[in-house]
Amino acid sequence: MSVQTEQETFTLDEILASVKTSNRLILWNDEINTFDHVIACLMKHLQYTELQAEQIAWRVHHDGKCAVLEGSFTEMEVYRKILKSEGLTVSVE
């Protein structure tokens, strides 16, 4: 009896990011999402207050991006996927 396993591959950047003690979830400015949608997503998924979420939305608008969360690579990947599913442009650094 043989067991088939799926091999997972990672890029060097993913490996290095996973060993860092802290990674940041970056929210990027785009021309798709409204301020209201971004604010609602930050409140719903990251538990920011309305005022905090609004300040982040303005920073993203003016600076082009903003770190919205910091933690382990795995945790940031979970939140990246959640926010991406809402249509937001996010990455992990």
PDB file of N, CA and C in Angstrom:
ATOM      1  N   MET A   1       0.843  -1.175   0.000  1.00  0.00           N
ATOM      2  CA  MET A   1       0.000   0.000   0.000  1.00  0.00           C
ATOM      3  C   MET A   1       0.891   1.241   0.000  1.00  0.00           C
ATOM      4  N   SER A   2       0.658   2.140  -0.941  1.00  0.00           N
ATOM      5  CA  SER A   2       1.450   3.365  -0.993  1.00  0.00           C
ATOM      6  C   SER A   2       0.556   4.560  -0.679  1.00  0.00           C
ATOM      7  N   VAL A   3       1.189   5.574  -0.131  1.00  0.00           N
ATOM      8  CA  VAL A   3       0.468   6.787   0.226  1.00  0.00           C
ATOM      9  C   VAL A   3       0.965   7.922  -0.655  1.00  0.00           C
ATOM     10  N   GLN A   4       0.044   8.578  -1.321  1.00  0.00           N
ATOM     11  CA  GLN A   4       0.379   9.711  -2.171  1.00  0.00           C
ATOM     12  C   GLN A   4       0.244  10.991  -1.340  1.00  0.00           C
ATOM     13  N   THR A   5       1.247  11.824  -1.380  1.00  0.00           N
ATOM     14  CA  THR A   5       1.161  13.121  -0.711  1.00  0.00           C
ATOM     15  C   THR A   5       1.428  14.211  -1.728  1.00  0.00           C
ATOM     16  N   GLU A   6       0.771  15.312  -1.530  1.00  0.00           N
ATOM     17  CA  GLU A   6       0.956  16.441  -2.425  1.00  0.00           C
ATOM     18  C   GLU A   6       2.141  17.257  -1.926  1.00  0.00           C
ATOM     19  N   GLN A   7       3.072  17.544  -2.806  1.00  0.00           N
ATOM     20  CA  GLN A   7       4.245  18.316  -2.429  1.00  0.00           C
ATOM     21  C   GLN A   7       3.942  19.801  -2.573  1.00  0.00           C
ATOM     22  N   GLU A   8       4.252  20.534  -1.527  1.00  0.00           N
ATOM     23  CA  GLU A   8       4.030  21.969  -1.542  1.00  0.00           C
ATOM     24  C   GLU A   8       5.369  22.654  -1.786  1.00  0.00           C
ATOM     25  N   THR A   9       5.360  23.681  -2.640  1.00  0.00           N
ATOM     26  CA  THR A   9       6.601  24.398  -2.908  1.00  0.00           C
ATOM     27  C   THR A   9       6.460  25.836  -2.432  1.00  0.00           C
ATOM     28  N   PHE A  10       7.571  26.416  -2.014  1.00  0.00           N
ATOM     29  CA  PHE A  10       7.592  27.785  -1.520  1.00  0.00           C
ATOM     30  C   PHE A  10       8.710  28.555  -2.208  1.00  0.00           C
ATOM     31  N   THR A  11       8.494  29.843  -2.383  1.00  0.00           N
ATOM     32  CA  THR A  11       9.550  30.696  -2.912  1.00  0.00           C
ATOM     33  C   THR A  11      10.488  31.059  -1.771  1.00  0.00           C
ATOM     34  N   LEU A  12      11.664  31.541  -2.103  1.00  0.00           N
ATOM     35  CA  LEU A  12      12.616  31.968  -1.090  1.00  0.00           C
ATOM     36  C   LEU A  12      12.021  33.076  -0.228  1.00  0.00           C
ATOM     37  N   ASP A  13      11.305  34.019  -0.847  1.00  0.00           N
ATOM     38  CA  ASP A  13      10.682  35.104  -0.089  1.00  0.00           C
ATOM     39  C   ASP A  13       9.675  34.568   0.923  1.00  0.00           C
ATOM     40  N   GLU A  14       8.888  33.558   0.538  1.00  0.00           N
ATOM     41  CA  GLU A  14       7.914  32.972   1.460  1.00  0.00           C
ATOM     42  C   GLU A  14       8.606  32.279   2.628  1.00  0.00           C
ATOM     43  N   ILE A  15       9.691  31.587   2.348  1.00  0.00           N
ATOM     44  CA  ILE A  15      10.432  30.898   3.404  1.00  0.00           C
ATOM     45  C   ILE A  15      11.034  31.912   4.372  1.00  0.00           C
ATOM     46  N   LEU A  16      11.677  32.935   3.821  1.00  0.00           N
ATOM     47  CA  LEU A  16      12.274  33.951   4.684  1.00  0.00           C
ATOM     48  C   LEU A  16      11.224  34.699   5.486  1.00  0.00           C
ATOM     49  N   ALA A  17      10.087  34.965   4.877  1.00  0.00           N
ATOM     50  CA  ALA A  17       9.012  35.656   5.591  1.00  0.00           C
ATOM     51  C   ALA A  17       8.473  34.808   6.731  1.00  0.00           C
ATOM     52  N   SER A  18       8.434  33.505   6.541  1.00  0.00           N
ATOM     53  CA  SER A  18       7.875  32.631   7.571  1.00  0.00           C
ATOM     54  C   SER A  18       8.777  32.517   8.785  1.00  0.00           C
ATOM     55  N   VAL A  19      10.079  32.783   8.649  1.00  0.00           N
ATOM     56  CA  VAL A  19      10.981  32.686   9.788  1.00  0.00           C
ATOM     57  C   VAL A  19      11.159  34.030  10.498  1.00  0.00           C
ATOM     58  N   LYS A  20      10.711  35.107   9.896  1.00  0.00           N
ATOM     59  CA  LYS A  20      10.759  36.392  10.583  1.00  0.00           C
ATOM     60  C   LYS A  20       9.806  36.334  11.766  1.00  0.00           C
ATOM     61  N   THR A  21      10.149  37.042  12.825  1.00  0.00           N
ATOM     62  CA  THR A  21       9.283  37.022  14.003  1.00  0.00           C
ATOM     63  C   THR A  21       8.032  37.857  13.798  1.00  0.00           C
ATOM     64  N   SER A  22       8.104  38.813  12.899  1.00  0.00           N
ATOM     65  CA  SER A  22       6.955  39.677  12.706  1.00  0.00           C
ATOM     66  C   SER A  22       6.798  40.028  11.230  1.00  0.00           C
ATOM     67  N   ASN A  23       5.598  39.959  10.758  1.00  0.00           N
ATOM     68  CA  ASN A  23       5.256  40.314   9.382  1.00  0.00           C
ATOM     69  C   ASN A  23       4.125  41.324   9.431  1.00  0.00           C
ATOM     70  N   ARG A  24       4.023  42.125   8.373  1.00  0.00           N
ATOM     71  CA  ARG A  24       2.991  43.155   8.336  1.00  0.00           C
ATOM     72  C   ARG A  24       2.011  42.893   7.204  1.00  0.00           C
ATOM     73  N   LEU A  25       0.750  43.128   7.492  1.00  0.00           N
ATOM     74  CA  LEU A  25      -0.296  43.065   6.483  1.00  0.00           C
ATOM     75  C   LEU A  25      -0.448  44.476   5.930  1.00  0.00           C
ATOM     76  N   ILE A  26      -0.227  44.622   4.629  1.00  0.00           N
ATOM     77  CA  ILE A  26      -0.246  45.933   3.981  1.00  0.00           C
ATOM     78  C   ILE A  26      -1.517  46.075   3.153  1.00  0.00           C
ATOM     79  N   LEU A  27      -2.229  47.160   3.382  1.00  0.00           N
ATOM     80  CA  LEU A  27      -3.405  47.507   2.588  1.00  0.00           C
ATOM     81  C   LEU A  27      -2.972  48.559   1.575  1.00  0.00           C
ATOM     82  N   TRP A  28      -3.247  48.301   0.302  1.00  0.00           N
ATOM     83  CA  TRP A  28      -2.828  49.169  -0.798  1.00  0.00           C
ATOM     84  C   TRP A  28      -3.997  49.985  -1.336  1.00  0.00           C
ATOM     85  N   ASN A  29      -3.681  51.162  -1.814  1.00  0.00           N
ATOM     86  CA  ASN A  29      -4.679  51.997  -2.467  1.00  0.00           C
ATOM     87  C   ASN A  29      -5.039  51.393  -3.822  1.00  0.00           C
ATOM     88  N   ASP A  30      -6.280  51.483  -4.192  1.00  0.00           N
ATOM     89  CA  ASP A  30      -6.713  51.062  -5.521  1.00  0.00           C
ATOM     90  C   ASP A  30      -7.844  51.964  -5.983  1.00  0.00           C
ATOM     91  N   GLU A  31      -8.202  51.808  -7.194  1.00  0.00           N
ATOM     92  CA  GLU A  31      -9.268  52.637  -7.776  1.00  0.00           C
ATOM     93  C   GLU A  31     -10.606  51.906  -7.795  1.00  0.00           C
ATOM     94  N   ILE A  32     -10.675  50.792  -7.080  1.00  0.00           N
ATOM     95  CA  ILE A  32     -11.860  49.942  -7.136  1.00  0.00           C
ATOM     96  C   ILE A  32     -12.756  50.117  -5.917  1.00  0.00           C
ATOM     97  N   ASN A  33     -12.145  50.069  -4.728  1.00  0.00           N
ATOM     98  CA  ASN A  33     -12.917  50.044  -3.488  1.00  0.00           C
ATOM     99  C   ASN A  33     -13.231  51.442  -2.968  1.00  0.00           C
ATOM    100  N   THR A  34     -14.435  51.578  -2.437  1.00  0.00           N
ATOM    101  CA  THR A  34     -14.855  52.851  -1.861  1.00  0.00           C
ATOM    102  C   THR A  34     -14.329  52.963  -0.433  1.00  0.00           C
ATOM    103  N   PHE A  35     -14.291  54.185   0.066  1.00  0.00           N
ATOM    104  CA  PHE A  35     -13.895  54.404   1.453  1.00  0.00           C
ATOM    105  C   PHE A  35     -14.805  53.604   2.388  1.00  0.00           C
ATOM    106  N   ASP A  36     -16.104  53.647   2.130  1.00  0.00           N
ATOM    107  CA  ASP A  36     -17.060  52.949   2.989  1.00  0.00           C
ATOM    108  C   ASP A  36     -16.798  51.450   3.036  1.00  0.00           C
ATOM    109  N   HIS A  37     -16.479  50.865   1.898  1.00  0.00           N
ATOM    110  CA  HIS A  37     -16.218  49.425   1.851  1.00  0.00           C
ATOM    111  C   HIS A  37     -14.937  49.090   2.623  1.00  0.00           C
ATOM    112  N   VAL A  38     -13.883  49.870   2.415  1.00  0.00           N
ATOM    113  CA  VAL A  38     -12.619  49.630   3.129  1.00  0.00           C
ATOM    114  C   VAL A  38     -12.851  49.756   4.635  1.00  0.00           C
ATOM    115  N   ILE A  39     -13.522  50.802   5.052  1.00  0.00           N
ATOM    116  CA  ILE A  39     -13.794  51.024   6.469  1.00  0.00           C
ATOM    117  C   ILE A  39     -14.604  49.869   7.046  1.00  0.00           C
ATOM    118  N   ALA A  40     -15.638  49.442   6.336  1.00  0.00           N
ATOM    119  CA  ALA A  40     -16.473  48.334   6.807  1.00  0.00           C
ATOM    120  C   ALA A  40     -15.667  47.047   6.960  1.00  0.00           C
ATOM    121  N   CYS A  41     -14.785  46.764   6.007  1.00  0.00           N
ATOM    122  CA  CYS A  41     -13.950  45.554   6.068  1.00  0.00           C
ATOM    123  C   CYS A  41     -12.982  45.604   7.242  1.00  0.00           C
ATOM    124  N   LEU A  42     -12.356  46.755   7.461  1.00  0.00           N
ATOM    125  CA  LEU A  42     -11.417  46.893   8.574  1.00  0.00           C
ATOM    126  C   LEU A  42     -12.131  46.721   9.917  1.00  0.00           C
ATOM    127  N   MET A  43     -13.342  47.232  10.015  1.00  0.00           N
ATOM    128  CA  MET A  43     -14.116  47.088  11.251  1.00  0.00           C
ATOM    129  C   MET A  43     -14.567  45.642  11.445  1.00  0.00           C
ATOM    130  N   LYS A  44     -15.049  45.027  10.386  1.00  0.00           N
ATOM    131  CA  LYS A  44     -15.593  43.669  10.470  1.00  0.00           C
ATOM    132  C   LYS A  44     -14.512  42.625  10.740  1.00  0.00           C
ATOM    133  N   HIS A  45     -13.413  42.696  10.012  1.00  0.00           N
ATOM    134  CA  HIS A  45     -12.425  41.620  10.066  1.00  0.00           C
ATOM    135  C   HIS A  45     -11.252  41.892  11.006  1.00  0.00           C
ATOM    136  N   LEU A  46     -10.920  43.167  11.230  1.00  0.00           N
ATOM    137  CA  LEU A  46      -9.771  43.487  12.080  1.00  0.00           C
ATOM    138  C   LEU A  46     -10.191  44.178  13.377  1.00  0.00           C
ATOM    139  N   GLN A  47     -11.475  44.324  13.579  1.00  0.00           N
ATOM    140  CA  GLN A  47     -12.049  44.895  14.793  1.00  0.00           C
ATOM    141  C   GLN A  47     -11.565  46.312  15.111  1.00  0.00           C
ATOM    142  N   TYR A  48     -11.294  47.093  14.077  1.00  0.00           N
ATOM    143  CA  TYR A  48     -10.979  48.501  14.280  1.00  0.00           C
ATOM    144  C   TYR A  48     -12.271  49.255  14.563  1.00  0.00           C
ATOM    145  N   THR A  49     -12.157  50.357  15.318  1.00  0.00           N
ATOM    146  CA  THR A  49     -13.307  51.234  15.494  1.00  0.00           C
ATOM    147  C   THR A  49     -13.540  51.969  14.180  1.00  0.00           C
ATOM    148  N   GLU A  50     -14.675  52.598  14.058  1.00  0.00           N
ATOM    149  CA  GLU A  50     -14.970  53.342  12.837  1.00  0.00           C
ATOM    150  C   GLU A  50     -13.948  54.458  12.621  1.00  0.00           C
ATOM    151  N   LEU A  51     -13.581  55.166  13.697  1.00  0.00           N
ATOM    152  CA  LEU A  51     -12.613  56.243  13.592  1.00  0.00           C
ATOM    153  C   LEU A  51     -11.242  55.717  13.164  1.00  0.00           C
ATOM    154  N   GLN A  52     -10.785  54.621  13.756  1.00  0.00           N
ATOM    155  CA  GLN A  52      -9.499  54.026  13.381  1.00  0.00           C
ATOM    156  C   GLN A  52      -9.494  53.584  11.918  1.00  0.00           C
ATOM    157  N   ALA A  53     -10.569  52.916  11.508  1.00  0.00           N
ATOM    158  CA  ALA A  53     -10.676  52.427  10.133  1.00  0.00           C
ATOM    159  C   ALA A  53     -10.690  53.591   9.144  1.00  0.00           C
ATOM    160  N   GLU A  54     -11.362  54.667   9.502  1.00  0.00           N
ATOM    161  CA  GLU A  54     -11.401  55.845   8.634  1.00  0.00           C
ATOM    162  C   GLU A  54     -10.008  56.471   8.516  1.00  0.00           C
ATOM    163  N   GLN A  55      -9.279  56.545   9.612  1.00  0.00           N
ATOM    164  CA  GLN A  55      -7.919  57.097   9.578  1.00  0.00           C
ATOM    165  C   GLN A  55      -7.006  56.245   8.698  1.00  0.00           C
ATOM    166  N   ILE A  56      -7.143  54.932   8.785  1.00  0.00           N
ATOM    167  CA  ILE A  56      -6.358  54.031   7.943  1.00  0.00           C
ATOM    168  C   ILE A  56      -6.718  54.241   6.472  1.00  0.00           C
ATOM    169  N   ALA A  57      -8.006  54.341   6.179  1.00  0.00           N
ATOM    170  CA  ALA A  57      -8.449  54.550   4.793  1.00  0.00           C
ATOM    171  C   ALA A  57      -7.857  55.838   4.220  1.00  0.00           C
ATOM    172  N   TRP A  58      -7.826  56.905   5.009  1.00  0.00           N
ATOM    173  CA  TRP A  58      -7.246  58.160   4.539  1.00  0.00           C
ATOM    174  C   TRP A  58      -5.739  58.028   4.336  1.00  0.00           C
ATOM    175  N   ARG A  59      -5.057  57.309   5.247  1.00  0.00           N
ATOM    176  CA  ARG A  59      -3.607  57.118   5.088  1.00  0.00           C
ATOM    177  C   ARG A  59      -3.314  56.344   3.804  1.00  0.00           C
ATOM    178  N   VAL A  60      -4.100  55.294   3.539  1.00  0.00           N
ATOM    179  CA  VAL A  60      -3.927  54.512   2.310  1.00  0.00           C
ATOM    180  C   VAL A  60      -4.161  55.408   1.093  1.00  0.00           C
ATOM    181  N   HIS A  61      -5.174  56.240   1.172  1.00  0.00           N
ATOM    182  CA  HIS A  61      -5.498  57.139   0.064  1.00  0.00           C
ATOM    183  C   HIS A  61      -4.348  58.104  -0.210  1.00  0.00           C
ATOM    184  N   HIS A  62      -3.770  58.659   0.835  1.00  0.00           N
ATOM    185  CA  HIS A  62      -2.708  59.667   0.662  1.00  0.00           C
ATOM    186  C   HIS A  62      -1.324  59.059   0.426  1.00  0.00           C
ATOM    187  N   ASP A  63      -0.993  57.978   1.135  1.00  0.00           N
ATOM    188  CA  ASP A  63       0.351  57.396   1.059  1.00  0.00           C
ATOM    189  C   ASP A  63       0.463  56.222   0.087  1.00  0.00           C
ATOM    190  N   GLY A  64      -0.669  55.709  -0.358  1.00  0.00           N
ATOM    191  CA  GLY A  64      -0.657  54.588  -1.290  1.00  0.00           C
ATOM    192  C   GLY A  64      -0.719  53.226  -0.633  1.00  0.00           C
ATOM    193  N   LYS A  65      -0.362  53.185   0.657  1.00  0.00           N
ATOM    194  CA  LYS A  65      -0.419  51.920   1.396  1.00  0.00           C
ATOM    195  C   LYS A  65      -0.336  52.208   2.889  1.00  0.00           C
ATOM    196  N   CYS A  66      -0.682  51.193   3.689  1.00  0.00           N
ATOM    197  CA  CYS A  66      -0.612  51.328   5.136  1.00  0.00           C
ATOM    198  C   CYS A  66      -0.551  49.930   5.751  1.00  0.00           C
ATOM    199  N   ALA A  67       0.328  49.755   6.736  1.00  0.00           N
ATOM    200  CA  ALA A  67       0.361  48.507   7.488  1.00  0.00           C
ATOM    201  C   ALA A  67      -0.852  48.504   8.423  1.00  0.00           C
ATOM    202  N   VAL A  68      -1.671  47.467   8.334  1.00  0.00           N
ATOM    203  CA  VAL A  68      -2.896  47.431   9.136  1.00  0.00           C
ATOM    204  C   VAL A  68      -2.860  46.387  10.248  1.00  0.00           C
ATOM    205  N   LEU A  69      -1.867  45.493  10.205  1.00  0.00           N
ATOM    206  CA  LEU A  69      -1.781  44.441  11.214  1.00  0.00           C
ATOM    207  C   LEU A  69      -0.372  43.882  11.207  1.00  0.00           C
ATOM    208  N   GLU A  70       0.080  43.409  12.356  1.00  0.00           N
ATOM    209  CA  GLU A  70       1.412  42.820  12.458  1.00  0.00           C
ATOM    210  C   GLU A  70       1.321  41.531  13.259  1.00  0.00           C
ATOM    211  N   GLY A  71       2.066  40.519  12.816  1.00  0.00           N
ATOM    212  CA  GLY A  71       2.053  39.241  13.518  1.00  0.00           C
ATOM    213  C   GLY A  71       2.822  38.190  12.738  1.00  0.00           C
ATOM    214  N   SER A  72       2.516  36.940  13.026  1.00  0.00           N
ATOM    215  CA  SER A  72       3.205  35.842  12.348  1.00  0.00           C
ATOM    216  C   SER A  72       2.798  35.795  10.877  1.00  0.00           C
ATOM    217  N   PHE A  73       3.650  35.176  10.064  1.00  0.00           N
ATOM    218  CA  PHE A  73       3.360  35.056   8.640  1.00  0.00           C
ATOM    219  C   PHE A  73       2.044  34.313   8.413  1.00  0.00           C
ATOM    220  N   THR A  74       1.846  33.232   9.151  1.00  0.00           N
ATOM    221  CA  THR A  74       0.625  32.438   8.991  1.00  0.00           C
ATOM    222  C   THR A  74      -0.616  33.267   9.311  1.00  0.00           C
ATOM    223  N   GLU A  75      -0.558  34.007  10.412  1.00  0.00           N
ATOM    224  CA  GLU A  75      -1.695  34.844  10.795  1.00  0.00           C
ATOM    225  C   GLU A  75      -1.966  35.916   9.746  1.00  0.00           C
ATOM    226  N   MET A  76      -0.893  36.544   9.242  1.00  0.00           N
ATOM    227  CA  MET A  76      -1.060  37.598   8.242  1.00  0.00           C
ATOM    228  C   MET A  76      -1.620  37.034   6.939  1.00  0.00           C
ATOM    229  N   GLU A  77      -1.216  35.814   6.595  1.00  0.00           N
ATOM    230  CA  GLU A  77      -1.740  35.169   5.390  1.00  0.00           C
ATOM    231  C   GLU A  77      -3.244  34.915   5.510  1.00  0.00           C
ATOM    232  N   VAL A  78      -3.683  34.518   6.686  1.00  0.00           N
ATOM    233  CA  VAL A  78      -5.117  34.287   6.913  1.00  0.00           C
ATOM    234  C   VAL A  78      -5.888  35.581   6.680  1.00  0.00           C
ATOM    235  N   TYR A  79      -5.418  36.664   7.304  1.00  0.00           N
ATOM    236  CA  TYR A  79      -6.105  37.945   7.144  1.00  0.00           C
ATOM    237  C   TYR A  79      -5.984  38.480   5.717  1.00  0.00           C
ATOM    238  N   ARG A  80      -4.850  38.225   5.064  1.00  0.00           N
ATOM    239  CA  ARG A  80      -4.693  38.659   3.674  1.00  0.00           C
ATOM    240  C   ARG A  80      -5.757  38.005   2.799  1.00  0.00           C
ATOM    241  N   LYS A  81      -5.948  36.708   3.001  1.00  0.00           N
ATOM    242  CA  LYS A  81      -6.941  35.985   2.200  1.00  0.00           C
ATOM    243  C   LYS A  81      -8.355  36.483   2.490  1.00  0.00           C
ATOM    244  N   ILE A  82      -8.634  36.778   3.750  1.00  0.00           N
ATOM    245  CA  ILE A  82      -9.965  37.284   4.120  1.00  0.00           C
ATOM    246  C   ILE A  82     -10.218  38.630   3.445  1.00  0.00           C
ATOM    247  N   LEU A  83      -9.271  39.552   3.586  1.00  0.00           N
ATOM    248  CA  LEU A  83      -9.461  40.882   2.997  1.00  0.00           C
ATOM    249  C   LEU A  83      -9.449  40.833   1.471  1.00  0.00           C
ATOM    250  N   LYS A  84      -8.639  39.952   0.913  1.00  0.00           N
ATOM    251  CA  LYS A  84      -8.628  39.785  -0.541  1.00  0.00           C
ATOM    252  C   LYS A  84      -9.990  39.284  -1.031  1.00  0.00           C
ATOM    253  N   SER A  85     -10.600  38.384  -0.264  1.00  0.00           N
ATOM    254  CA  SER A  85     -11.919  37.871  -0.657  1.00  0.00           C
ATOM    255  C   SER A  85     -12.983  38.968  -0.642  1.00  0.00           C
ATOM    256  N   GLU A  86     -12.708  40.048   0.088  1.00  0.00           N
ATOM    257  CA  GLU A  86     -13.612  41.209   0.118  1.00  0.00           C
ATOM    258  C   GLU A  86     -13.296  42.188  -1.011  1.00  0.00           C
ATOM    259  N   GLY A  87     -12.257  41.871  -1.801  1.00  0.00           N
ATOM    260  CA  GLY A  87     -11.901  42.716  -2.940  1.00  0.00           C
ATOM    261  C   GLY A  87     -10.816  43.730  -2.638  1.00  0.00           C
ATOM    262  N   LEU A  88     -10.265  43.729  -1.427  1.00  0.00           N
ATOM    263  CA  LEU A  88      -9.216  44.681  -1.088  1.00  0.00           C
ATOM    264  C   LEU A  88      -7.875  44.217  -1.642  1.00  0.00           C
ATOM    265  N   THR A  89      -6.985  45.168  -1.879  1.00  0.00           N
ATOM    266  CA  THR A  89      -5.649  44.872  -2.365  1.00  0.00           C
ATOM    267  C   THR A  89      -4.719  44.839  -1.174  1.00  0.00           C
ATOM    268  N   VAL A  90      -4.213  43.656  -0.835  1.00  0.00           N
ATOM    269  CA  VAL A  90      -3.394  43.466   0.370  1.00  0.00           C
ATOM    270  C   VAL A  90      -2.198  42.574   0.062  1.00  0.00           C
ATOM    271  N   SER A  91      -1.156  42.734   0.860  1.00  0.00           N
ATOM    272  CA  SER A  91       0.018  41.888   0.743  1.00  0.00           C
ATOM    273  C   SER A  91       0.636  41.712   2.133  1.00  0.00           C
ATOM    274  N   VAL A  92       1.556  40.752   2.239  1.00  0.00           N
ATOM    275  CA  VAL A  92       2.272  40.514   3.487  1.00  0.00           C
ATOM    276  C   VAL A  92       3.731  40.849   3.250  1.00  0.00           C
ATOM    277  N   GLU A  93       4.296  41.654   4.132  1.00  0.00           N
ATOM    278  CA  GLU A  93       5.723  42.002   4.056  1.00  0.00           C
ATOM    279  C   GLU A  93       6.398  41.595   5.342  1.00  0.00           C
TER     280      GLU A  93
END
